Amino acid sequence: MALYAELHRHLGGSVVPRVLWRYFQRNQAALSEPFANYEAFEDFYTRPRKTLDEYLELHTLVEKVQTQDTLPYFIYRLIRGAYVFENLAYLELRYTPYLRTPEHLSQTERIDQMVAIVETVGQASQAVEYPIVTSQILCMHTRLPYEVNRAIVDLAAQSKSHVCGIDIAGGDAHYRDRMSEFIELYAYGRSLGLNTTGHLYETTEGCYPELLPYLMRIGHGIQIPLLYPELLPQLAREGQCLEVCPTTYTKTGTLESIHQLKVVFDRCFEAGVDIAICTDNAGLHNVRLPFEYENLLTYDIIGFEELRSCQDAAFRHAFAWKHKQRPASILNNILHPELNLVG
């Protein structure tokens, strides 16, 4: 059995449409009423959007039902699917814990409750029958105030048994007016010993070289090889890996065709910049990781040798994969996952 690592998957976007539909019908029927049947819902949930902002609105549909009580339901099914259908050995789940707390609470109360959310996600991810090494990346968010985002960084530093890094979500086009704030928060996170990644250079509006020095990995980053290839030698020197999520870019209107990714891969391989192939939102896309691989091969964007390089890179750059071992030795690590998690 081939074993893979997934470095960029959002907890909200990981819920496949069938699971979400069944949850609506069994628990919150009102949310399914706008749709005549499952097929209508699936079409709405997975169809391409015109912009990244429009696409990101779909996350709010899932966030509102992912509460402390329901998270185990969704995560168990996520882990089961990742193990059975994707052969994942390692999975990093990223999300904003504040957005899983009750909206009627005060900001202070919601910040306090984030601790329980992280603990719930951590416990629910440890499904004995599906032994995947998992960890969490906590996302700051462009819609949240500085105080909440700083609390998220502090929580990540205090929860290293469950959390392996920090990120920022909410669309990279929205960073500009708060750039000094986000730089400060990333610098603060690095001072606390946190691993860092960030949604950056995903769109043409989200290209901020001033954030690059604070990131160990780059979420998406496709505009660097497309528009700013002169930055690639710097990324190679710093050992920064791009988390490329192929299906996302046609779903968000960022790229017109998946064929445009050939330039991304070719230029990165030539410059010595690692790429980890990821799903981003496997549920929203209805495309699991092996099919991301297959699509890239089918469209001649990469070959099998390049695919193996990307698969190996995913393990090398995995934040909680302590010894960065090659896939050949992963089965032993799965049987003893406690030896590989950064505690």
C-alpha atoms as a PDB file:
ATOM      1  CA  MET A   1       0.000   0.000   0.000  1.00  0.00           C
ATOM      2  CA  ALA A   2       1.407   3.403  -0.976  1.00  0.00           C
ATOM      3  CA  LEU A   3       1.454   5.859   1.904  1.00  0.00           C
ATOM      4  CA  TYR A   4       1.175   9.600   1.491  1.00  0.00           C
ATOM      5  CA  ALA A   5       1.483  12.826   3.483  1.00  0.00           C
ATOM      6  CA  GLU A   6      -1.049  15.671   3.224  1.00  0.00           C
ATOM      7  CA  LEU A   7       0.237  19.055   4.411  1.00  0.00           C
ATOM      8  CA  HIS A   8      -2.534  21.454   3.367  1.00  0.00           C
ATOM      9  CA  ARG A   9      -6.079  20.432   4.194  1.00  0.00           C
ATOM     10  CA  HIS A  10      -8.697  22.642   5.812  1.00  0.00           C
ATOM     11  CA  LEU A  11     -10.936  21.098   8.437  1.00  0.00           C
ATOM     12  CA  GLY A  12     -13.994  22.912   7.058  1.00  0.00           C
ATOM     13  CA  GLY A  13     -13.284  22.068   3.439  1.00  0.00           C
ATOM     14  CA  SER A  14     -12.546  18.423   4.242  1.00  0.00           C
ATOM     15  CA  VAL A  15     -16.171  17.409   4.742  1.00  0.00           C
ATOM     16  CA  VAL A  16     -17.269  15.521   1.635  1.00  0.00           C
ATOM     17  CA  PRO A  17     -20.701  16.542   0.333  1.00  0.00           C
ATOM     18  CA  ARG A  18     -22.427  13.233   1.149  1.00  0.00           C
ATOM     19  CA  VAL A  19     -21.353  13.376   4.808  1.00  0.00           C
ATOM     20  CA  LEU A  20     -22.426  17.005   5.153  1.00  0.00           C
ATOM     21  CA  TRP A  21     -25.777  16.313   3.486  1.00  0.00           C
ATOM     22  CA  ARG A  22     -26.509  13.408   5.816  1.00  0.00           C
ATOM     23  CA  TYR A  23     -25.609  15.538   8.810  1.00  0.00           C
ATOM     24  CA  PHE A  24     -27.990  18.278   7.663  1.00  0.00           C
ATOM     25  CA  GLN A  25     -30.847  15.853   7.136  1.00  0.00           C
ATOM     26  CA  ARG A  26     -30.366  14.092  10.463  1.00  0.00           C
ATOM     27  CA  ASN A  27     -29.585  17.068  12.670  1.00  0.00           C
ATOM     28  CA  GLN A  28     -30.342  20.424  10.998  1.00  0.00           C
ATOM     29  CA  ALA A  29     -32.930  19.766   8.307  1.00  0.00           C
ATOM     30  CA  ALA A  30     -33.453  23.481   7.683  1.00  0.00           C
ATOM     31  CA  LEU A  31     -29.991  23.694   6.121  1.00  0.00           C
ATOM     32  CA  SER A  32     -30.941  21.133   3.468  1.00  0.00           C
ATOM     33  CA  GLU A  33     -34.315  22.680   2.624  1.00  0.00           C
ATOM     34  CA  PRO A  34     -33.008  25.065  -0.095  1.00  0.00           C
ATOM     35  CA  PHE A  35     -31.969  22.028  -2.160  1.00  0.00           C
ATOM     36  CA  ALA A  36     -34.411  19.711  -3.919  1.00  0.00           C
ATOM     37  CA  ASN A  37     -32.225  16.665  -3.355  1.00  0.00           C
ATOM     38  CA  TYR A  38     -28.657  15.540  -2.714  1.00  0.00           C
ATOM     39  CA  GLU A  39     -27.638  15.983  -6.354  1.00  0.00           C
ATOM     40  CA  ALA A  40     -28.666  19.646  -6.238  1.00  0.00           C
ATOM     41  CA  PHE A  41     -26.700  20.151  -3.035  1.00  0.00           C
ATOM     42  CA  GLU A  42     -23.594  18.426  -4.406  1.00  0.00           C
ATOM     43  CA  ASP A  43     -23.701  20.604  -7.506  1.00  0.00           C
ATOM     44  CA  PHE A  44     -23.924  23.750  -5.369  1.00  0.00           C
ATOM     45  CA  TYR A  45     -21.218  22.606  -2.962  1.00  0.00           C
ATOM     46  CA  THR A  46     -18.600  21.498  -5.483  1.00  0.00           C
ATOM     47  CA  ARG A  47     -19.079  23.724  -8.531  1.00  0.00           C
ATOM     48  CA  PRO A  48     -16.388  26.253  -9.501  1.00  0.00           C
ATOM     49  CA  ARG A  49     -16.633  29.827  -8.215  1.00  0.00           C
ATOM     50  CA  LYS A  50     -15.628  33.037  -9.973  1.00  0.00           C
ATOM     51  CA  THR A  51     -13.292  34.328  -7.262  1.00  0.00           C
ATOM     52  CA  LEU A  52     -11.399  33.100  -4.224  1.00  0.00           C
ATOM     53  CA  ASP A  53     -13.574  35.245  -1.937  1.00  0.00           C
ATOM     54  CA  GLU A  54     -16.752  33.678  -3.302  1.00  0.00           C
ATOM     55  CA  TYR A  55     -15.223  30.239  -2.861  1.00  0.00           C
ATOM     56  CA  LEU A  56     -14.204  30.936   0.744  1.00  0.00           C
ATOM     57  CA  GLU A  57     -17.798  31.744   1.683  1.00  0.00           C
ATOM     58  CA  LEU A  58     -18.493  28.014   1.464  1.00  0.00           C
ATOM     59  CA  HIS A  59     -16.352  27.525   4.562  1.00  0.00           C
ATOM     60  CA  THR A  60     -18.874  29.457   6.641  1.00  0.00           C
ATOM     61  CA  LEU A  61     -21.519  26.849   5.771  1.00  0.00           C
ATOM     62  CA  VAL A  62     -19.432  24.157   7.450  1.00  0.00           C
ATOM     63  CA  GLU A  63     -17.942  26.258  10.253  1.00  0.00           C
ATOM     64  CA  LYS A  64     -21.374  26.978  11.695  1.00  0.00           C
ATOM     65  CA  VAL A  65     -22.040  23.259  12.232  1.00  0.00           C
ATOM     66  CA  GLN A  66     -18.549  22.253  13.377  1.00  0.00           C
ATOM     67  CA  THR A  67     -18.980  22.819  17.109  1.00  0.00           C
ATOM     68  CA  GLN A  68     -17.228  21.209  20.038  1.00  0.00           C
ATOM     69  CA  ASP A  69     -20.036  18.630  20.195  1.00  0.00           C
ATOM     70  CA  THR A  70     -20.122  17.805  16.476  1.00  0.00           C
ATOM     71  CA  LEU A  71     -16.416  17.922  15.618  1.00  0.00           C
ATOM     72  CA  PRO A  72     -15.849  14.254  16.584  1.00  0.00           C
ATOM     73  CA  TYR A  73     -18.582  13.226  14.118  1.00  0.00           C
ATOM     74  CA  PHE A  74     -16.948  15.055  11.233  1.00  0.00           C
ATOM     75  CA  ILE A  75     -13.346  14.231  12.117  1.00  0.00           C
ATOM     76  CA  TYR A  76     -13.939  10.504  12.528  1.00  0.00           C
ATOM     77  CA  ARG A  77     -15.377  10.346   9.007  1.00  0.00           C
ATOM     78  CA  LEU A  78     -12.562  12.508   7.682  1.00  0.00           C
ATOM     79  CA  ILE A  79      -9.873  10.248   9.186  1.00  0.00           C
ATOM     80  CA  ARG A  80     -11.671   7.096   8.039  1.00  0.00           C
ATOM     81  CA  GLY A  81     -11.883   8.362   4.464  1.00  0.00           C
ATOM     82  CA  ALA A  82      -8.281   9.557   4.467  1.00  0.00           C
ATOM     83  CA  TYR A  83      -7.053   6.151   5.586  1.00  0.00           C
ATOM     84  CA  VAL A  84      -9.335   3.919   3.516  1.00  0.00           C
ATOM     85  CA  PHE A  85      -9.528   5.898   0.275  1.00  0.00           C
ATOM     86  CA  GLU A  86      -6.331   7.970   0.262  1.00  0.00           C
ATOM     87  CA  ASN A  87      -3.741   5.781   2.002  1.00  0.00           C
ATOM     88  CA  LEU A  88      -2.603   8.707   4.118  1.00  0.00           C
ATOM     89  CA  ALA A  89       0.118   8.074   6.672  1.00  0.00           C
ATOM     90  CA  TYR A  90       0.314  11.699   7.807  1.00  0.00           C
ATOM     91  CA  LEU A  91      -2.232  14.512   7.871  1.00  0.00           C
ATOM     92  CA  GLU A  92      -2.061  18.118   9.002  1.00  0.00           C
ATOM     93  CA  LEU A  93      -5.497  19.673   9.548  1.00  0.00           C
ATOM     94  CA  ARG A  94      -5.720  23.441   9.562  1.00  0.00           C
ATOM     95  CA  TYR A  95      -8.574  25.560  10.839  1.00  0.00           C
ATOM     96  CA  THR A  96      -9.455  28.628  12.910  1.00  0.00           C
ATOM     97  CA  PRO A  97     -10.523  27.442  16.382  1.00  0.00           C
ATOM     98  CA  TYR A  98     -12.291  30.711  17.208  1.00  0.00           C
ATOM     99  CA  LEU A  99     -14.757  30.095  14.374  1.00  0.00           C
ATOM    100  CA  ARG A 100     -15.822  26.800  16.026  1.00  0.00           C
ATOM    101  CA  THR A 101     -16.903  28.535  19.253  1.00  0.00           C
ATOM    102  CA  PRO A 102     -20.481  29.756  19.951  1.00  0.00           C
ATOM    103  CA  GLU A 103     -21.184  33.135  18.398  1.00  0.00           C
ATOM    104  CA  HIS A 104     -23.400  34.260  21.304  1.00  0.00           C
ATOM    105  CA  LEU A 105     -20.440  34.274  23.699  1.00  0.00           C
ATOM    106  CA  SER A 106     -18.259  37.308  24.307  1.00  0.00           C
ATOM    107  CA  GLN A 107     -14.892  37.573  22.577  1.00  0.00           C
ATOM    108  CA  THR A 108     -13.100  36.710  25.814  1.00  0.00           C
ATOM    109  CA  GLU A 109     -15.303  33.666  26.392  1.00  0.00           C
ATOM    110  CA  ARG A 110     -14.773  32.472  22.833  1.00  0.00           C
ATOM    111  CA  ILE A 111     -10.997  32.847  23.200  1.00  0.00           C
ATOM    112  CA  ASP A 112     -11.130  30.791  26.390  1.00  0.00           C
ATOM    113  CA  GLN A 113     -13.173  28.073  24.687  1.00  0.00           C
ATOM    114  CA  MET A 114     -10.604  27.654  21.896  1.00  0.00           C
ATOM    115  CA  VAL A 115      -8.573  25.461  24.258  1.00  0.00           C
ATOM    116  CA  ALA A 116     -11.392  22.923  24.385  1.00  0.00           C
ATOM    117  CA  ILE A 117     -11.765  23.015  20.589  1.00  0.00           C
ATOM    118  CA  VAL A 118      -8.104  22.153  20.043  1.00  0.00           C
ATOM    119  CA  GLU A 119      -8.323  19.352  22.596  1.00  0.00           C
ATOM    120  CA  THR A 120     -11.482  17.988  20.973  1.00  0.00           C
ATOM    121  CA  VAL A 121      -9.917  17.978  17.504  1.00  0.00           C
ATOM    122  CA  GLY A 122      -6.791  16.335  18.867  1.00  0.00           C
ATOM    123  CA  GLN A 123      -8.660  13.574  20.659  1.00  0.00           C
ATOM    124  CA  ALA A 124     -11.068  12.944  17.777  1.00  0.00           C
ATOM    125  CA  SER A 125      -8.147  12.572  15.340  1.00  0.00           C
ATOM    126  CA  GLN A 126      -6.750   9.577  17.232  1.00  0.00           C
ATOM    127  CA  ALA A 127      -8.920   6.858  15.698  1.00  0.00           C
ATOM    128  CA  VAL A 128      -7.241   3.597  16.709  1.00  0.00           C
ATOM    129  CA  GLU A 129      -8.601   1.643  13.753  1.00  0.00           C
ATOM    130  CA  TYR A 130      -7.277   4.251  11.286  1.00  0.00           C
ATOM    131  CA  PRO A 131      -3.671   4.896  12.472  1.00  0.00           C
ATOM    132  CA  ILE A 132      -2.761   8.129  10.722  1.00  0.00           C
ATOM    133  CA  VAL A 133      -0.210  10.480  12.285  1.00  0.00           C
ATOM    134  CA  THR A 134      -2.117  13.750  12.635  1.00  0.00           C
ATOM    135  CA  SER A 135      -1.462  17.243  13.878  1.00  0.00           C
ATOM    136  CA  GLN A 136      -3.137  20.639  13.738  1.00  0.00           C
ATOM    137  CA  ILE A 137      -2.216  23.961  12.192  1.00  0.00           C
ATOM    138  CA  LEU A 138      -4.084  26.833  13.836  1.00  0.00           C
ATOM    139  CA  CYS A 139      -5.102  29.602  11.464  1.00  0.00           C
ATOM    140  CA  MET A 140      -5.258  33.257  12.252  1.00  0.00           C
ATOM    141  CA  HIS A 141      -7.870  34.931  10.068  1.00  0.00           C
ATOM    142  CA  THR A 142      -8.211  38.174   8.125  1.00  0.00           C
ATOM    143  CA  ARG A 143     -11.740  38.634   9.525  1.00  0.00           C
ATOM    144  CA  LEU A 144     -10.604  38.452  13.136  1.00  0.00           C
ATOM    145  CA  PRO A 145      -9.181  41.271  15.287  1.00  0.00           C
ATOM    146  CA  TYR A 146      -5.573  41.369  16.419  1.00  0.00           C
ATOM    147  CA  GLU A 147      -6.429  40.240  19.964  1.00  0.00           C
ATOM    148  CA  VAL A 148      -8.031  37.025  18.724  1.00  0.00           C
ATOM    149  CA  ASN A 149      -5.240  36.273  16.273  1.00  0.00           C
ATOM    150  CA  ARG A 150      -2.606  36.749  18.967  1.00  0.00           C
ATOM    151  CA  ALA A 151      -4.572  34.434  21.247  1.00  0.00           C
ATOM    152  CA  ILE A 152      -4.510  31.824  18.468  1.00  0.00           C
ATOM    153  CA  VAL A 153      -0.709  32.087  18.278  1.00  0.00           C
ATOM    154  CA  ASP A 154      -0.454  31.765  22.073  1.00  0.00           C
ATOM    155  CA  LEU A 155      -2.753  28.744  22.018  1.00  0.00           C
ATOM    156  CA  ALA A 156      -0.623  27.072  19.360  1.00  0.00           C
ATOM    157  CA  ALA A 157       2.479  27.556  21.499  1.00  0.00           C
ATOM    158  CA  GLN A 158       0.683  26.124  24.548  1.00  0.00           C
ATOM    159  CA  SER A 159      -0.717  23.094  22.686  1.00  0.00           C
ATOM    160  CA  LYS A 160       2.281  21.499  20.999  1.00  0.00           C
ATOM    161  CA  SER A 161       1.060  17.996  21.811  1.00  0.00           C
ATOM    162  CA  HIS A 162      -1.739  18.648  19.299  1.00  0.00           C
ATOM    163  CA  VAL A 163      -0.529  21.623  17.236  1.00  0.00           C
ATOM    164  CA  CYS A 164       2.430  21.700  14.851  1.00  0.00           C
ATOM    165  CA  GLY A 165       2.218  25.213  13.383  1.00  0.00           C
ATOM    166  CA  ILE A 166       0.327  28.399  12.536  1.00  0.00           C
ATOM    167  CA  ASP A 167      -1.137  29.842   9.356  1.00  0.00           C
ATOM    168  CA  ILE A 168      -3.338  32.714   8.271  1.00  0.00           C
ATOM    169  CA  ALA A 169      -6.611  32.204   6.394  1.00  0.00           C
ATOM    170  CA  GLY A 170      -9.219  34.448   4.839  1.00  0.00           C
ATOM    171  CA  GLY A 171      -7.821  35.186   1.392  1.00  0.00           C
ATOM    172  CA  ASP A 172      -4.352  36.595   0.682  1.00  0.00           C
ATOM    173  CA  ALA A 173      -5.748  39.684  -1.073  1.00  0.00           C
ATOM    174  CA  HIS A 174      -6.890  40.962   2.353  1.00  0.00           C
ATOM    175  CA  TYR A 175      -3.498  41.076   4.067  1.00  0.00           C
ATOM    176  CA  ARG A 176      -2.269  44.379   2.697  1.00  0.00           C
ATOM    177  CA  ASP A 177      -3.941  46.824   5.095  1.00  0.00           C
ATOM    178  CA  ARG A 178      -2.840  44.753   8.107  1.00  0.00           C
ATOM    179  CA  MET A 179       0.582  43.690   6.888  1.00  0.00           C
ATOM    180  CA  SER A 180       2.556  45.082   9.841  1.00  0.00           C
ATOM    181  CA  GLU A 181       0.171  43.315  12.201  1.00  0.00           C
ATOM    182  CA  PHE A 182       0.571  39.928  10.517  1.00  0.00           C
ATOM    183  CA  ILE A 183       4.350  40.299  10.317  1.00  0.00           C
ATOM    184  CA  GLU A 184       4.407  41.013  14.045  1.00  0.00           C
ATOM    185  CA  LEU A 185       2.264  37.946  14.772  1.00  0.00           C
ATOM    186  CA  TYR A 186       4.422  35.662  12.634  1.00  0.00           C
ATOM    187  CA  ALA A 187       7.592  37.019  14.242  1.00  0.00           C
ATOM    188  CA  TYR A 188       6.007  36.442  17.640  1.00  0.00           C
ATOM    189  CA  GLY A 189       5.114  32.886  16.649  1.00  0.00           C
ATOM    190  CA  ARG A 190       8.659  32.179  15.497  1.00  0.00           C
ATOM    191  CA  SER A 191       9.975  33.553  18.808  1.00  0.00           C
ATOM    192  CA  LEU A 192       7.803  30.942  20.561  1.00  0.00           C
ATOM    193  CA  GLY A 193       9.339  28.165  18.476  1.00  0.00           C
ATOM    194  CA  LEU A 194       6.314  27.641  16.242  1.00  0.00           C
ATOM    195  CA  ASN A 195       6.443  26.268  12.729  1.00  0.00           C
ATOM    196  CA  THR A 196       4.924  28.632  10.197  1.00  0.00           C
ATOM    197  CA  THR A 197       3.120  28.453   6.905  1.00  0.00           C
ATOM    198  CA  GLY A 198       0.851  30.993   5.252  1.00  0.00           C
ATOM    199  CA  HIS A 199      -1.513  31.465   2.348  1.00  0.00           C
ATOM    200  CA  LEU A 200       0.637  33.625   0.113  1.00  0.00           C
ATOM    201  CA  TYR A 201       1.180  34.214  -3.600  1.00  0.00           C
ATOM    202  CA  GLU A 202      -1.974  32.199  -4.275  1.00  0.00           C
ATOM    203  CA  THR A 203      -3.599  35.015  -6.252  1.00  0.00           C
ATOM    204  CA  THR A 204      -2.121  37.933  -8.151  1.00  0.00           C
ATOM    205  CA  GLU A 205      -3.460  40.231  -5.400  1.00  0.00           C
ATOM    206  CA  GLY A 206      -1.728  38.300  -2.632  1.00  0.00           C
ATOM    207  CA  CYS A 207       1.961  38.702  -3.432  1.00  0.00           C
ATOM    208  CA  TYR A 208       3.822  40.048  -0.397  1.00  0.00           C
ATOM    209  CA  PRO A 209       7.586  39.426  -0.372  1.00  0.00           C
ATOM    210  CA  GLU A 210       7.839  41.031   3.064  1.00  0.00           C
ATOM    211  CA  LEU A 211       6.056  38.020   4.612  1.00  0.00           C
ATOM    212  CA  LEU A 212       8.310  35.393   3.035  1.00  0.00           C
ATOM    213  CA  PRO A 213      11.111  35.548   5.644  1.00  0.00           C
ATOM    214  CA  TYR A 214       8.685  34.472   8.363  1.00  0.00           C
ATOM    215  CA  LEU A 215       7.397  31.351   6.611  1.00  0.00           C
ATOM    216  CA  MET A 216       8.876  27.861   6.665  1.00  0.00           C
ATOM    217  CA  ARG A 217       6.390  26.674   4.035  1.00  0.00           C
ATOM    218  CA  ILE A 218       4.246  28.661   1.632  1.00  0.00           C
ATOM    219  CA  GLY A 219       0.578  27.854   1.236  1.00  0.00           C
ATOM    220  CA  HIS A 220       0.034  27.680  -2.544  1.00  0.00           C
ATOM    221  CA  GLY A 221       2.715  30.146  -3.684  1.00  0.00           C
ATOM    222  CA  ILE A 222       1.991  29.468  -7.349  1.00  0.00           C
ATOM    223  CA  GLN A 223       2.367  33.107  -8.378  1.00  0.00           C
ATOM    224  CA  ILE A 224       6.064  32.977  -7.446  1.00  0.00           C
ATOM    225  CA  PRO A 225       7.084  30.677 -10.327  1.00  0.00           C
ATOM    226  CA  LEU A 226       4.395  32.163 -12.585  1.00  0.00           C
ATOM    227  CA  LEU A 227       5.069  35.878 -12.049  1.00  0.00           C
ATOM    228  CA  TYR A 228       8.146  36.230  -9.824  1.00  0.00           C
ATOM    229  CA  PRO A 229      10.536  33.389 -10.741  1.00  0.00           C
ATOM    230  CA  GLU A 230      13.458  35.540  -9.626  1.00  0.00           C
ATOM    231  CA  LEU A 231      12.406  34.684  -6.042  1.00  0.00           C
ATOM    232  CA  LEU A 232      12.861  30.934  -6.544  1.00  0.00           C
ATOM    233  CA  PRO A 233      16.615  30.813  -5.750  1.00  0.00           C
ATOM    234  CA  GLN A 234      15.847  32.535  -2.437  1.00  0.00           C
ATOM    235  CA  LEU A 235      13.184  29.934  -1.620  1.00  0.00           C
ATOM    236  CA  ALA A 236      15.596  27.136  -2.494  1.00  0.00           C
ATOM    237  CA  ARG A 237      18.298  28.582  -0.215  1.00  0.00           C
ATOM    238  CA  GLU A 238      15.828  28.910   2.662  1.00  0.00           C
ATOM    239  CA  GLY A 239      14.403  25.424   2.102  1.00  0.00           C
ATOM    240  CA  GLN A 240      10.866  26.732   1.755  1.00  0.00           C
ATOM    241  CA  CYS A 241       8.351  24.316   0.284  1.00  0.00           C
ATOM    242  CA  LEU A 242       5.307  25.257  -1.776  1.00  0.00           C
ATOM    243  CA  GLU A 243       2.022  23.610  -0.813  1.00  0.00           C
ATOM    244  CA  VAL A 244       0.432  23.331  -4.273  1.00  0.00           C
ATOM    245  CA  CYS A 245      -3.255  22.358  -4.394  1.00  0.00           C
ATOM    246  CA  PRO A 246      -4.040  21.753  -8.092  1.00  0.00           C
ATOM    247  CA  THR A 247      -7.841  21.552  -8.112  1.00  0.00           C
ATOM    248  CA  THR A 248      -8.228  24.690  -6.008  1.00  0.00           C
ATOM    249  CA  TYR A 249      -7.030  27.076  -8.692  1.00  0.00           C
ATOM    250  CA  THR A 250      -9.681  26.174 -11.240  1.00  0.00           C
ATOM    251  CA  LYS A 251     -12.373  26.052  -8.526  1.00  0.00           C
ATOM    252  CA  THR A 252     -11.528  29.593  -7.399  1.00  0.00           C
ATOM    253  CA  GLY A 253     -11.013  31.159 -10.827  1.00  0.00           C
ATOM    254  CA  THR A 254      -7.335  31.752 -10.046  1.00  0.00           C
ATOM    255  CA  LEU A 255      -6.260  29.751 -13.109  1.00  0.00           C
ATOM    256  CA  GLU A 256      -8.211  29.072 -16.263  1.00  0.00           C
ATOM    257  CA  SER A 257      -6.750  25.595 -16.712  1.00  0.00           C
ATOM    258  CA  ILE A 258      -4.794  23.049 -14.725  1.00  0.00           C
ATOM    259  CA  HIS A 259      -2.325  23.015 -17.623  1.00  0.00           C
ATOM    260  CA  GLN A 260      -0.976  26.362 -16.355  1.00  0.00           C
ATOM    261  CA  LEU A 261       0.568  24.478 -13.433  1.00  0.00           C
ATOM    262  CA  LYS A 262       3.184  22.911 -15.711  1.00  0.00           C
ATOM    263  CA  VAL A 263       5.157  26.159 -15.575  1.00  0.00           C
ATOM    264  CA  VAL A 264       4.896  26.107 -11.775  1.00  0.00           C
ATOM    265  CA  PHE A 265       6.311  22.601 -11.466  1.00  0.00           C
ATOM    266  CA  ASP A 266       8.935  22.987 -14.197  1.00  0.00           C
ATOM    267  CA  ARG A 267      10.369  26.201 -12.777  1.00  0.00           C
ATOM    268  CA  CYS A 268      10.378  24.904  -9.210  1.00  0.00           C
ATOM    269  CA  PHE A 269      12.113  21.656 -10.172  1.00  0.00           C
ATOM    270  CA  GLU A 270      14.708  23.601 -12.158  1.00  0.00           C
ATOM    271  CA  ALA A 271      15.371  25.966  -9.240  1.00  0.00           C
ATOM    272  CA  GLY A 272      15.476  23.217  -6.612  1.00  0.00           C
ATOM    273  CA  VAL A 273      12.337  24.368  -4.799  1.00  0.00           C
ATOM    274  CA  ASP A 274      10.329  21.574  -3.195  1.00  0.00           C
ATOM    275  CA  ILE A 275       6.617  21.146  -3.890  1.00  0.00           C
ATOM    276  CA  ALA A 276       4.195  19.160  -1.754  1.00  0.00           C
ATOM    277  CA  ILE A 277       1.035  18.255  -3.667  1.00  0.00           C
ATOM    278  CA  CYS A 278      -2.035  18.826  -1.489  1.00  0.00           C
ATOM    279  CA  THR A 279      -5.831  18.909  -1.678  1.00  0.00           C
ATOM    280  CA  ASP A 280      -6.651  22.108   0.246  1.00  0.00           C
ATOM    281  CA  ASN A 281     -10.381  21.333   0.454  1.00  0.00           C
ATOM    282  CA  ALA A 282     -10.914  17.732  -0.598  1.00  0.00           C
ATOM    283  CA  GLY A 283     -14.594  17.845   0.355  1.00  0.00           C
ATOM    284  CA  LEU A 284     -15.432  21.017  -1.526  1.00  0.00           C
ATOM    285  CA  HIS A 285     -13.684  19.626  -4.581  1.00  0.00           C
ATOM    286  CA  ASN A 286     -14.791  16.012  -4.206  1.00  0.00           C
ATOM    287  CA  VAL A 287     -11.200  15.223  -5.226  1.00  0.00           C
ATOM    288  CA  ARG A 288      -8.987  13.202  -2.894  1.00  0.00           C
ATOM    289  CA  LEU A 289      -5.189  13.280  -2.869  1.00  0.00           C
ATOM    290  CA  PRO A 290      -4.542  10.261  -5.172  1.00  0.00           C
ATOM    291  CA  PHE A 291      -6.742  11.917  -7.797  1.00  0.00           C
ATOM    292  CA  GLU A 292      -4.743  15.121  -7.525  1.00  0.00           C
ATOM    293  CA  TYR A 293      -1.719  12.976  -8.367  1.00  0.00           C
ATOM    294  CA  GLU A 294      -3.545  11.253 -11.203  1.00  0.00           C
ATOM    295  CA  ASN A 295      -4.755  14.521 -12.734  1.00  0.00           C
ATOM    296  CA  LEU A 296      -1.244  15.968 -12.804  1.00  0.00           C
ATOM    297  CA  LEU A 297       0.043  12.832 -14.516  1.00  0.00           C
ATOM    298  CA  THR A 298      -2.873  12.586 -16.940  1.00  0.00           C
ATOM    299  CA  TYR A 299      -2.413  16.157 -18.145  1.00  0.00           C
ATOM    300  CA  ASP A 300       1.374  15.666 -18.497  1.00  0.00           C
ATOM    301  CA  ILE A 301       2.111  18.375 -15.952  1.00  0.00           C
ATOM    302  CA  ILE A 302       4.555  16.078 -14.149  1.00  0.00           C
ATOM    303  CA  GLY A 303       5.901  12.562 -14.653  1.00  0.00           C
ATOM    304  CA  PHE A 304       6.173   9.674 -12.221  1.00  0.00           C
ATOM    305  CA  GLU A 305       9.699  10.634 -11.155  1.00  0.00           C
ATOM    306  CA  GLU A 306       8.573  14.163 -10.336  1.00  0.00           C
ATOM    307  CA  LEU A 307       5.536  12.785  -8.512  1.00  0.00           C
ATOM    308  CA  ARG A 308       7.759  10.701  -6.265  1.00  0.00           C
ATOM    309  CA  SER A 309       9.906  13.758  -5.574  1.00  0.00           C
ATOM    310  CA  CYS A 310       6.826  15.703  -4.489  1.00  0.00           C
ATOM    311  CA  GLN A 311       5.603  12.815  -2.335  1.00  0.00           C
ATOM    312  CA  ASP A 312       8.985  12.591  -0.614  1.00  0.00           C
ATOM    313  CA  ALA A 313       9.068  16.377  -0.163  1.00  0.00           C
ATOM    314  CA  ALA A 314       5.749  16.239   1.687  1.00  0.00           C
ATOM    315  CA  PHE A 315       7.300  14.015   4.365  1.00  0.00           C
ATOM    316  CA  ARG A 316      10.502  16.059   4.549  1.00  0.00           C
ATOM    317  CA  HIS A 317       8.569  19.245   5.196  1.00  0.00           C
ATOM    318  CA  ALA A 318       5.902  17.763   7.479  1.00  0.00           C
ATOM    319  CA  PHE A 319       5.977  19.791  10.685  1.00  0.00           C
ATOM    320  CA  ALA A 320       5.154  16.924  13.060  1.00  0.00           C
ATOM    321  CA  TRP A 321       7.056  14.147  11.274  1.00  0.00           C
ATOM    322  CA  LYS A 322       9.948  14.226  13.689  1.00  0.00           C
ATOM    323  CA  HIS A 323      12.604  12.257  11.828  1.00  0.00           C
ATOM    324  CA  LYS A 324      11.575  13.239   8.269  1.00  0.00           C
ATOM    325  CA  GLN A 325      11.869   9.625   7.111  1.00  0.00           C
ATOM    326  CA  ARG A 326      11.273   8.347   3.597  1.00  0.00           C
ATOM    327  CA  PRO A 327       8.020   6.524   2.740  1.00  0.00           C
ATOM    328  CA  ALA A 328       9.760   3.120   2.839  1.00  0.00           C
ATOM    329  CA  SER A 329       9.901   3.257   6.639  1.00  0.00           C
ATOM    330  CA  ILE A 330       6.536   4.835   7.257  1.00  0.00           C
ATOM    331  CA  LEU A 331       4.603   1.687   8.098  1.00  0.00           C
ATOM    332  CA  ASN A 332       6.685   1.174  11.236  1.00  0.00           C
ATOM    333  CA  ASN A 333       6.092   4.793  12.178  1.00  0.00           C
ATOM    334  CA  ILE A 334       2.326   4.380  11.791  1.00  0.00           C
ATOM    335  CA  LEU A 335       2.400   1.433  14.164  1.00  0.00           C
ATOM    336  CA  HIS A 336       4.211   3.635  16.701  1.00  0.00           C
ATOM    337  CA  PRO A 337       2.955   7.175  15.979  1.00  0.00           C
ATOM    338  CA  GLU A 338       3.871   8.397  19.463  1.00  0.00           C
ATOM    339  CA  LEU A 339       7.537   8.254  18.382  1.00  0.00           C
ATOM    340  CA  ASN A 340       7.001  10.725  15.536  1.00  0.00           C
ATOM    341  CA  LEU A 341       4.894  13.505  16.963  1.00  0.00           C
ATOM    342  CA  VAL A 342       6.604  16.627  18.160  1.00  0.00           C
ATOM    343  CA  GLY A 343       5.546  17.025  21.768  1.00  0.00           C
END
